[in-house]
PDB file of N, CA and C in Angstrom:
ATOM      1  N   MET A   1     108.283-105.927  32.652  1.00  0.00           N
ATOM      2  CA  MET A   1     107.709-105.027  31.664  1.00  0.00           C
ATOM      3  C   MET A   1     108.084-105.380  30.271  1.00  0.00           C
ATOM      4  N   ARG A   2     107.222-105.142  29.341  1.00  0.00           N
ATOM      5  CA  ARG A   2     107.403-105.556  27.931  1.00  0.00           C
ATOM      6  C   ARG A   2     107.445-104.314  27.092  1.00  0.00           C
ATOM      7  N   VAL A   3     108.399-104.165  26.179  1.00  0.00           N
ATOM      8  CA  VAL A   3     108.561-103.271  25.168  1.00  0.00           C
ATOM      9  C   VAL A   3     108.701-103.842  23.865  1.00  0.00           C
ATOM     10  N   LEU A   4     108.455-103.205  22.639  1.00  0.00           N
ATOM     11  CA  LEU A   4     108.797-103.651  21.438  1.00  0.00           C
ATOM     12  C   LEU A   4     110.124-103.067  21.042  1.00  0.00           C
ATOM     13  N   PHE A   5     111.097-103.855  20.614  1.00  0.00           N
ATOM     14  CA  PHE A   5     112.431-103.332  20.376  1.00  0.00           C
ATOM     15  C   PHE A   5     112.693-103.629  18.910  1.00  0.00           C
ATOM     16  N   ILE A   6     112.936-102.563  18.100  1.00  0.00           N
ATOM     17  CA  ILE A   6     113.230-102.518  16.794  1.00  0.00           C
ATOM     18  C   ILE A   6     114.628-102.043  16.497  1.00  0.00           C
ATOM     19  N   ASN A   7     115.526-103.150  16.244  1.00  0.00           N
ATOM     20  CA  ASN A   7     116.877-102.833  16.049  1.00  0.00           C
ATOM     21  C   ASN A   7     117.131-102.811  14.522  1.00  0.00           C
ATOM     22  N   ASN A   8     117.523-101.610  13.936  1.00  0.00           N
ATOM     23  CA  ASN A   8     117.812-101.349  12.618  1.00  0.00           C
ATOM     24  C   ASN A   8     119.339-101.417  12.404  1.00  0.00           C
ATOM     25  N   ASP A   9     120.126-101.931  13.264  1.00  0.00           N
ATOM     26  CA  ASP A   9     121.623-102.156  13.131  1.00  0.00           C
ATOM     27  C   ASP A   9     121.809-103.469  12.539  1.00  0.00           C
ATOM     28  N   GLY A  10     122.761-103.348  11.376  1.00  0.00           N
ATOM     29  CA  GLY A  10     123.029-104.606  10.607  1.00  0.00           C
ATOM     30  C   GLY A  10     121.796-105.113   9.903  1.00  0.00           C
ATOM     31  N   ALA A  11     121.483-106.357  10.200  1.00  0.00           N
ATOM     32  CA  ALA A  11     120.316-107.049   9.521  1.00  0.00           C
ATOM     33  C   ALA A  11     119.002-106.586  10.014  1.00  0.00           C
ATOM     34  N   GLY A  12     119.048-106.189  11.332  1.00  0.00           N
ATOM     35  CA  GLY A  12     117.842-105.669  12.003  1.00  0.00           C
ATOM     36  C   GLY A  12     116.920-106.644  12.403  1.00  0.00           C
ATOM     37  N   PHE A  13     116.027-106.333  13.326  1.00  0.00           N
ATOM     38  CA  PHE A  13     114.968-107.434  13.783  1.00  0.00           C
ATOM     39  C   PHE A  13     114.018-106.488  14.729  1.00  0.00           C
ATOM     40  N   ALA A  14     112.876-107.151  14.963  1.00  0.00           N
ATOM     41  CA  ALA A  14     112.015-106.498  15.882  1.00  0.00           C
ATOM     42  C   ALA A  14     111.380-107.656  16.799  1.00  0.00           C
ATOM     43  N   ASP A  15     111.206-107.357  18.049  1.00  0.00           N
ATOM     44  CA  ASP A  15     110.609-108.426  18.896  1.00  0.00           C
ATOM     45  C   ASP A  15     110.274-107.768  20.261  1.00  0.00           C
ATOM     46  N   HIS A  16     109.233-108.334  20.854  1.00  0.00           N
ATOM     47  CA  HIS A  16     108.809-107.854  22.191  1.00  0.00           C
ATOM     48  C   HIS A  16     109.773-108.482  23.107  1.00  0.00           C
ATOM     49  N   ILE A  17     110.304-107.588  24.014  1.00  0.00           N
ATOM     50  CA  ILE A  17     111.218-108.071  25.102  1.00  0.00           C
ATOM     51  C   ILE A  17     110.841-107.639  26.418  1.00  0.00           C
ATOM     52  N   GLU A  18     111.285-108.320  27.350  1.00  0.00           N
ATOM     53  CA  GLU A  18     110.986-107.957  28.845  1.00  0.00           C
ATOM     54  C   GLU A  18     112.164-107.091  29.297  1.00  0.00           C
ATOM     55  N   ILE A  19     111.886-106.023  30.046  1.00  0.00           N
ATOM     56  CA  ILE A  19     112.932-105.264  30.671  1.00  0.00           C
ATOM     57  C   ILE A  19     112.482-104.783  32.073  1.00  0.00           C
ATOM     58  N   GLU A  20     113.422-104.332  32.939  1.00  0.00           N
ATOM     59  CA  GLU A  20     113.114-103.919  34.234  1.00  0.00           C
ATOM     60  C   GLU A  20     112.266-102.770  34.250  1.00  0.00           C
ATOM     61  N   PRO A  21     111.376-102.456  35.122  1.00  0.00           N
ATOM     62  CA  PRO A  21     110.540-101.255  35.235  1.00  0.00           C
ATOM     63  C   PRO A  21     111.340-100.092  35.253  1.00  0.00           C
ATOM     64  N   ASN A  22     110.848 -98.982  34.835  1.00  0.00           N
ATOM     65  CA  ASN A  22     111.477 -97.611  34.929  1.00  0.00           C
ATOM     66  C   ASN A  22     112.819 -97.557  34.404  1.00  0.00           C
ATOM     67  N   MET A  23     113.233 -98.215  33.318  1.00  0.00           N
ATOM     68  CA  MET A  23     114.676 -98.226  32.893  1.00  0.00           C
ATOM     69  C   MET A  23     114.749 -97.047  31.848  1.00  0.00           C
ATOM     70  N   PRO A  24     115.947 -96.349  32.124  1.00  0.00           N
ATOM     71  CA  PRO A  24     116.237 -95.169  31.165  1.00  0.00           C
ATOM     72  C   PRO A  24     116.702 -95.711  29.848  1.00  0.00           C
ATOM     73  N   VAL A  25     116.586 -94.836  28.929  1.00  0.00           N
ATOM     74  CA  VAL A  25     116.918 -95.261  27.486  1.00  0.00           C
ATOM     75  C   VAL A  25     118.431 -95.575  27.472  1.00  0.00           C
ATOM     76  N   ALA A  26     119.254 -94.791  28.202  1.00  0.00           N
ATOM     77  CA  ALA A  26     120.559 -94.970  28.215  1.00  0.00           C
ATOM     78  C   ALA A  26     121.024 -96.505  28.727  1.00  0.00           C
ATOM     79  N   LYS A  27     120.346 -96.883  29.682  1.00  0.00           N
ATOM     80  CA  LYS A  27     120.666 -98.217  30.202  1.00  0.00           C
ATOM     81  C   LYS A  27     120.166 -99.384  29.250  1.00  0.00           C
ATOM     82  N   PHE A  28     119.047 -98.964  28.628  1.00  0.00           N
ATOM     83  CA  PHE A  28     118.461 -99.946  27.531  1.00  0.00           C
ATOM     84  C   PHE A  28     119.555-100.150  26.433  1.00  0.00           C
ATOM     85  N   PHE A  29     120.053 -99.043  26.017  1.00  0.00           N
ATOM     86  CA  PHE A  29     120.979 -98.972  24.971  1.00  0.00           C
ATOM     87  C   PHE A  29     122.252 -99.816  25.243  1.00  0.00           C
ATOM     88  N   ALA A  30     122.711 -99.524  26.483  1.00  0.00           N
ATOM     89  CA  ALA A  30     124.019-100.060  26.973  1.00  0.00           C
ATOM     90  C   ALA A  30     123.892-101.675  27.093  1.00  0.00           C
ATOM     91  N   GLN A  31     122.723-102.023  27.310  1.00  0.00           N
ATOM     92  CA  GLN A  31     122.444-103.530  27.471  1.00  0.00           C
ATOM     93  C   GLN A  31     122.223-104.239  26.112  1.00  0.00           C
ATOM     94  N   LYS A  32     121.674-103.496  25.135  1.00  0.00           N
ATOM     95  CA  LYS A  32     121.341-104.100  23.844  1.00  0.00           C
ATOM     96  C   LYS A  32     122.513-103.788  22.846  1.00  0.00           C
ATOM     97  N   LEU A  33     123.166-102.787  23.032  1.00  0.00           N
ATOM     98  CA  LEU A  33     124.274-102.597  22.014  1.00  0.00           C
ATOM     99  C   LEU A  33     125.509-102.113  22.856  1.00  0.00           C
ATOM    100  N   PRO A  34     126.098-103.192  23.584  1.00  0.00           N
ATOM    101  CA  PRO A  34     127.288-102.809  24.617  1.00  0.00           C
ATOM    102  C   PRO A  34     128.544-102.120  23.832  1.00  0.00           C
ATOM    103  N   HIS A  35     128.648-102.452  22.600  1.00  0.00           N
ATOM    104  CA  HIS A  35     129.952-102.026  21.960  1.00  0.00           C
ATOM    105  C   HIS A  35     129.622-100.823  21.083  1.00  0.00           C
ATOM    106  N   GLY A  36     128.316-100.375  21.142  1.00  0.00           N
ATOM    107  CA  GLY A  36     127.926 -99.332  20.452  1.00  0.00           C
ATOM    108  C   GLY A  36     128.116 -97.955  21.099  1.00  0.00           C
ATOM    109  N   ARG A  37     128.374 -96.835  20.288  1.00  0.00           N
ATOM    110  CA  ARG A  37     128.426 -95.475  20.906  1.00  0.00           C
ATOM    111  C   ARG A  37     127.054 -94.779  20.651  1.00  0.00           C
ATOM    112  N   PRO A  38     126.452 -94.337  21.719  1.00  0.00           N
ATOM    113  CA  PRO A  38     125.093 -93.732  21.442  1.00  0.00           C
ATOM    114  C   PRO A  38     125.054 -92.562  20.572  1.00  0.00           C
ATOM    115  N   GLU A  39     126.083 -91.909  20.397  1.00  0.00           N
ATOM    116  CA  GLU A  39     126.215 -90.747  19.490  1.00  0.00           C
ATOM    117  C   GLU A  39     126.105 -91.198  17.960  1.00  0.00           C
ATOM    118  N   ASP A  40     126.380 -92.461  17.713  1.00  0.00           N
ATOM    119  CA  ASP A  40     126.264 -92.985  16.339  1.00  0.00           C
ATOM    120  C   ASP A  40     124.894 -93.572  15.950  1.00  0.00           C
ATOM    121  N   TYR A  41     123.990 -93.372  16.913  1.00  0.00           N
ATOM    122  CA  TYR A  41     122.564 -93.945  16.701  1.00  0.00           C
ATOM    123  C   TYR A  41     121.446 -92.774  16.864  1.00  0.00           C
ATOM    124  N   LEU A  42     120.460 -93.037  16.320  1.00  0.00           N
ATOM    125  CA  LEU A  42     119.230 -92.308  16.540  1.00  0.00           C
ATOM    126  C   LEU A  42     118.232 -93.220  17.269  1.00  0.00           C
ATOM    127  N   ILE A  43     117.886 -92.818  18.416  1.00  0.00           N
ATOM    128  CA  ILE A  43     117.035 -93.576  19.447  1.00  0.00           C
ATOM    129  C   ILE A  43     115.840 -93.029  19.461  1.00  0.00           C
ATOM    130  N   ARG A  44     114.655 -93.721  19.231  1.00  0.00           N
ATOM    131  CA  ARG A  44     113.433 -93.168  19.190  1.00  0.00           C
ATOM    132  C   ARG A  44     112.508 -94.063  20.172  1.00  0.00           C
ATOM    133  N   VAL A  45     111.538 -93.501  20.858  1.00  0.00           N
ATOM    134  CA  VAL A  45     110.518 -94.156  21.563  1.00  0.00           C
ATOM    135  C   VAL A  45     109.185 -93.590  21.050  1.00  0.00           C
ATOM    136  N   ASN A  46     108.478 -94.608  20.614  1.00  0.00           N
ATOM    137  CA  ASN A  46     107.142 -94.420  20.112  1.00  0.00           C
ATOM    138  C   ASN A  46     107.256 -93.358  18.872  1.00  0.00           C
ATOM    139  N   ARG A  47     108.283 -93.503  18.081  1.00  0.00           N
ATOM    140  CA  ARG A  47     108.590 -92.731  16.979  1.00  0.00           C
ATOM    141  C   ARG A  47     109.182 -91.270  17.100  1.00  0.00           C
ATOM    142  N   GLN A  48     109.303 -90.957  18.311  1.00  0.00           N
ATOM    143  CA  GLN A  48     109.918 -89.753  18.635  1.00  0.00           C
ATOM    144  C   GLN A  48     111.337 -89.717  19.189  1.00  0.00           C
ATOM    145  N   PRO A  49     112.249 -88.918  18.707  1.00  0.00           N
ATOM    146  CA  PRO A  49     113.621 -88.840  19.206  1.00  0.00           C
ATOM    147  C   PRO A  49     113.560 -88.618  20.797  1.00  0.00           C
ATOM    148  N   VAL A  50     114.433 -89.209  21.502  1.00  0.00           N
ATOM    149  CA  VAL A  50     114.298 -88.994  23.056  1.00  0.00           C
ATOM    150  C   VAL A  50     115.701 -88.693  23.532  1.00  0.00           C
ATOM    151  N   SER A  51     115.700 -88.140  24.769  1.00  0.00           N
ATOM    152  CA  SER A  51     117.043 -88.033  25.418  1.00  0.00           C
ATOM    153  C   SER A  51     117.372 -89.307  26.211  1.00  0.00           C
ATOM    154  N   ARG A  52     118.664 -89.253  26.708  1.00  0.00           N
ATOM    155  CA  ARG A  52     119.140 -90.538  27.308  1.00  0.00           C
ATOM    156  C   ARG A  52     118.455 -90.881  28.608  1.00  0.00           C
ATOM    157  N   ASP A  53     117.884 -89.902  29.296  1.00  0.00           N
ATOM    158  CA  ASP A  53     117.262 -90.033  30.468  1.00  0.00           C
ATOM    159  C   ASP A  53     115.757 -90.410  30.463  1.00  0.00           C
ATOM    160  N   GLN A  54     115.270 -90.440  29.227  1.00  0.00           N
ATOM    161  CA  GLN A  54     113.812 -90.888  29.041  1.00  0.00           C
ATOM    162  C   GLN A  54     113.509 -92.200  29.750  1.00  0.00           C
ATOM    163  N   ILE A  55     112.599 -92.392  30.511  1.00  0.00           N
ATOM    164  CA  ILE A  55     112.131 -93.574  31.112  1.00  0.00           C
ATOM    165  C   ILE A  55     111.296 -94.314  30.346  1.00  0.00           C
ATOM    166  N   LEU A  56     111.511 -95.675  30.057  1.00  0.00           N
ATOM    167  CA  LEU A  56     110.529 -96.505  29.327  1.00  0.00           C
ATOM    168  C   LEU A  56     109.504 -97.021  30.063  1.00  0.00           C
ATOM    169  N   HIS A  57     108.323 -97.158  29.355  1.00  0.00           N
ATOM    170  CA  HIS A  57     107.089 -97.651  29.923  1.00  0.00           C
ATOM    171  C   HIS A  57     106.659 -98.833  29.227  1.00  0.00           C
ATOM    172  N   GLU A  58     105.592 -99.639  29.919  1.00  0.00           N
ATOM    173  CA  GLU A  58     104.958-100.788  29.325  1.00  0.00           C
ATOM    174  C   GLU A  58     104.354-100.468  27.959  1.00  0.00           C
ATOM    175  N   GLY A  59     104.721-101.194  26.895  1.00  0.00           N
ATOM    176  CA  GLY A  59     104.198-101.058  25.638  1.00  0.00           C
ATOM    177  C   GLY A  59     104.984-100.093  24.759  1.00  0.00           C
ATOM    178  N   ASP A  60     105.927 -99.430  25.229  1.00  0.00           N
ATOM    179  CA  ASP A  60     106.718 -98.511  24.432  1.00  0.00           C
ATOM    180  C   ASP A  60     107.311 -99.207  23.183  1.00  0.00           C
ATOM    181  N   ARG A  61     107.584 -98.473  22.124  1.00  0.00           N
ATOM    182  CA  ARG A  61     108.239 -99.051  20.883  1.00  0.00           C
ATOM    183  C   ARG A  61     109.476 -98.385  20.986  1.00  0.00           C
ATOM    184  N   VAL A  62     110.667 -99.130  20.989  1.00  0.00           N
ATOM    185  CA  VAL A  62     111.956 -98.511  21.046  1.00  0.00           C
ATOM    186  C   VAL A  62     112.735 -98.904  19.803  1.00  0.00           C
ATOM    187  N   THR A  63     113.112 -97.781  18.905  1.00  0.00           N
ATOM    188  CA  THR A  63     113.762 -97.987  17.732  1.00  0.00           C
ATOM    189  C   THR A  63     115.193 -97.360  17.724  1.00  0.00           C
ATOM    190  N   ILE A  64     116.206 -98.289  17.364  1.00  0.00           N
ATOM    191  CA  ILE A  64     117.647 -97.965  17.335  1.00  0.00           C
ATOM    192  C   ILE A  64     118.167 -98.002  15.934  1.00  0.00           C
ATOM    193  N   THR A  65     118.457 -97.003  15.476  1.00  0.00           N
ATOM    194  CA  THR A  65     118.913 -96.786  13.949  1.00  0.00           C
ATOM    195  C   THR A  65     120.385 -96.254  13.910  1.00  0.00           C
ATOM    196  N   PRO A  66     121.207 -96.878  13.180  1.00  0.00           N
ATOM    197  CA  PRO A  66     122.602 -96.214  13.053  1.00  0.00           C
ATOM    198  C   PRO A  66     122.534 -94.990  12.178  1.00  0.00           C
ATOM    199  N   THR A  67     123.348 -93.949  12.562  1.00  0.00           N
ATOM    200  CA  THR A  67     123.353 -92.609  11.753  1.00  0.00           C
ATOM    201  C   THR A  67     124.599 -92.835  10.721  1.00  0.00           C
ATOM    202  N   LYS A  68     125.479 -93.762  11.058  1.00  0.00           N
ATOM    203  CA  LYS A  68     126.619 -94.050  10.079  1.00  0.00           C
ATOM    204  C   LYS A  68     126.578 -95.453   9.785  1.00  0.00           C
ATOM    205  N   ILE A  69     126.520 -95.620   8.400  1.00  0.00           N
ATOM    206  CA  ILE A  69     126.497 -96.998   7.887  1.00  0.00           C
ATOM    207  C   ILE A  69     128.053 -97.404   7.473  1.00  0.00           C
ATOM    208  N   GLU A  70     128.395 -98.480   8.103  1.00  0.00           N
ATOM    209  CA  GLU A  70     129.772 -99.042   7.892  1.00  0.00           C
ATOM    210  C   GLU A  70     130.083 -99.314   6.418  1.00  0.00           C
ATOM    211  N   GLY A  71     131.099 -98.802   5.898  1.00  0.00           N
ATOM    212  CA  GLY A  71     131.473 -99.041   4.503  1.00  0.00           C
ATOM    213  C   GLY A  71     130.793 -98.043   3.470  1.00  0.00           C
ATOM    214  N   ALA A  72     129.944 -97.106   3.961  1.00  0.00           N
ATOM    215  CA  ALA A  72     129.404 -96.164   3.075  1.00  0.00           C
ATOM    216  C   ALA A  72     130.354 -95.080   2.608  1.00  0.00           C
ATOM    217  N   ILE A  73     130.226 -94.714   1.499  1.00  0.00           N
ATOM    218  CA  ILE A  73     131.210 -93.550   0.920  1.00  0.00           C
ATOM    219  C   ILE A  73     130.541 -92.223   1.241  1.00  0.00           C
ATOM    220  N   VAL A  74     131.361 -91.414   1.871  1.00  0.00           N
ATOM    221  CA  VAL A  74     130.889 -89.964   1.999  1.00  0.00           C
ATOM    222  C   VAL A  74     131.380 -89.093   1.097  1.00  0.00           C
ATOM    223  N   SER A  75     130.607 -88.359   0.463  1.00  0.00           N
ATOM    224  CA  SER A  75     130.897 -87.445  -0.658  1.00  0.00           C
ATOM    225  C   SER A  75     130.829 -86.032  -0.245  1.00  0.00           C
TER     226      SER A  75
END
């Protein structure tokens, strides 16, 4: 199954990738950012925020964006 993965972490990139059918978002996140904490990211599918148990489908657009930027000053 193929999805578009847009990774906005660090330099960022976008690419079509193959994943197993019926993969939940939580498993996708764990595979793509194994050292990341899901609570530090906004995860969207087809531009909509989703829960961790959302099942991915052929052609979905998955975006992972950090909510905390390393080195940023909080005022």
